[in-house]
Amino acid sequence: MRNLVNGKELDASDGQAIEVRNPANNQLIATVPASTEEDVDYCVKCAVEAQKGWAETPLHERARILMKFVELVERDTESLAVTLCRETGKPIKEARIEIGNTRTFVSAYVERAKHLYGINIPAGNEPGQEKTYQFTIRQPLGVVACIIPFNFPCDLFGQKVPSALIMGNAVIVKPSTYNPLTLHKYCLLLKEAGIPDGVINCLSGDGPIVGQALARHKGVHLVSVTGSTAVGMETMATASQNLTHVMLELGGNDAFILDKDGDLDLAVEEMVAGRLYNTGQVCCASKRFLVHNDIKAEFIKRAIARISRMRVGDPMNENTEIGCLINERAASRVEEQVRKTLQQGAHIAFGGRRNGAYFEPTILVDINRDMDIMKDMEVFGPIIPICGFDTIEEAIDIANQSTYGLCGNIITKNINNAFKVAEKLEVGGVVINGSSFFRSAEMPFGGWKHSGIGNEGISTTLQEMSHIKTIVLKNVLK
């Protein structure tokens, strides 16, 4: 598969390529270009030029093309889901759900854009302005670089790309090197739908080369990144050289708080959904389980019973509930993090074994608040560390000791404790009686502290994807 640049499918300028392998069996699926800085420069220049015409395209026409894209995605749903499953290792049922979400994102951004009205400031609202009207309009930024990670490539494409396009921007998609194939196909479908040449582009390649070249290029006006905190910080530093705007949705180490009156059956099911979906490779997954000491033993017992019934296996098998990690290196990193936690005094209550890119769902007990896993060691895998607490104030204190601040949750019947946690957690979102793994298309999603800058969602992203301009009609009243 080749890059899509200015309507043409191109290899890297130096001919280098990257292998894309199925993590479940290490079989070669395809190769993609290892793009160079020269490739980035050419792509950006093409996008800058093409964006001018796209900005002049009426909103209703941009909307029509994007909805045509949805029809093409739905036409190719099964082949896209199979590609996503094979290159990512997520169960085929999860892959189909992700492809199916595309309509939700696109249609919502189209409708939101149609109703993104300006602000009217009436004459005489302050002394000296009695004869002057003021109003605002929205205009495109220019070229938007969308840097998309491996874990939910199509969902995050759905958040970033349609919102940029509907506002009249040109887009350069930079997918993960691990699983770029589905997003390459998405970009080709946008071209098929009628997006003009140069307005939608896709560049594969190593992040330190392609991602940073996009961030430093003067022709790029916004860099939207979902990825690790380290990548976000590096991108922000690079983009600052040109005062390029950034949107950063980064790492998390979300706390799952189960109070002593919480529904244990609900808590166990939310633990499964909130930690094991996509084999735990979720930024807003619940990653630190704080359970009241009065019910901790019973929660561990029920958690083991529930997880032991789950089917781990080939992602393409319709019965598989948990697949593999994105590659063996990722699984080895999880293995090392578990080993470090055991060295700090934890014990394995369930699981703990790795086989290639597969890592068993694992429950760790005898966890205390001073361990790295309860602070800033984000484990991107199916690991459930369980730490006890005695008071809700203690749980809040443990939750807030992390430098991350993406999301959090509490399960309780006590409305006072529920809202105390919601108020006091230093995070961008709190779920009551559910896991922190909750992200509707509409909500403003983003983190505090080292979890990011900006908010992404139907309710907020179009503002980020456009300039606001105030037009003043001075002294028009007689």
Foldseek 3Di string as FASTA:
>chain_A
DAWAALNDGDAAPVNDWAFAAFQFVRHTDDIYHAHFLVNLVRRLVLLQVLLVVLQVPDLVVLLQLLVQLLVVLVVCLQVLLVLLCRLFFAASVVSSVLSVCLVVLLVLLSVLVVVPAKDKDDAPPDPPRNQKIKIKDWAFQEEEEEEAESQRRSNSCSQPVSLLSSRRYAYEYEYASRRCVSVSVSLVSSVVSPDGGSSYIYDYHDCVGNVLSLLQDLSHQEYEDEEALVSVVSSVVNNVVNPRHYWYFHAAAAEEAEEPAFDLVLSLVLLCVQQCRSQRQDRQRHQEYEYAPVCQVVSVVVNQVVLVPAAEDRSHDNRHDHTFGSFQVLVVVLLVLVVQQVVVPKDWPDFNDDDTRHGRQTEIEPDELPDPSLAEDDRRGNYYYYYYDHDLVVSLVSRQRHQWAFEYEYGHPDVVSRVVSQVRRQWDYYYYSHGSPDDDQADFGHIPGSRTDGTTHSPGVSPVRIDMDMDMDGSNHD
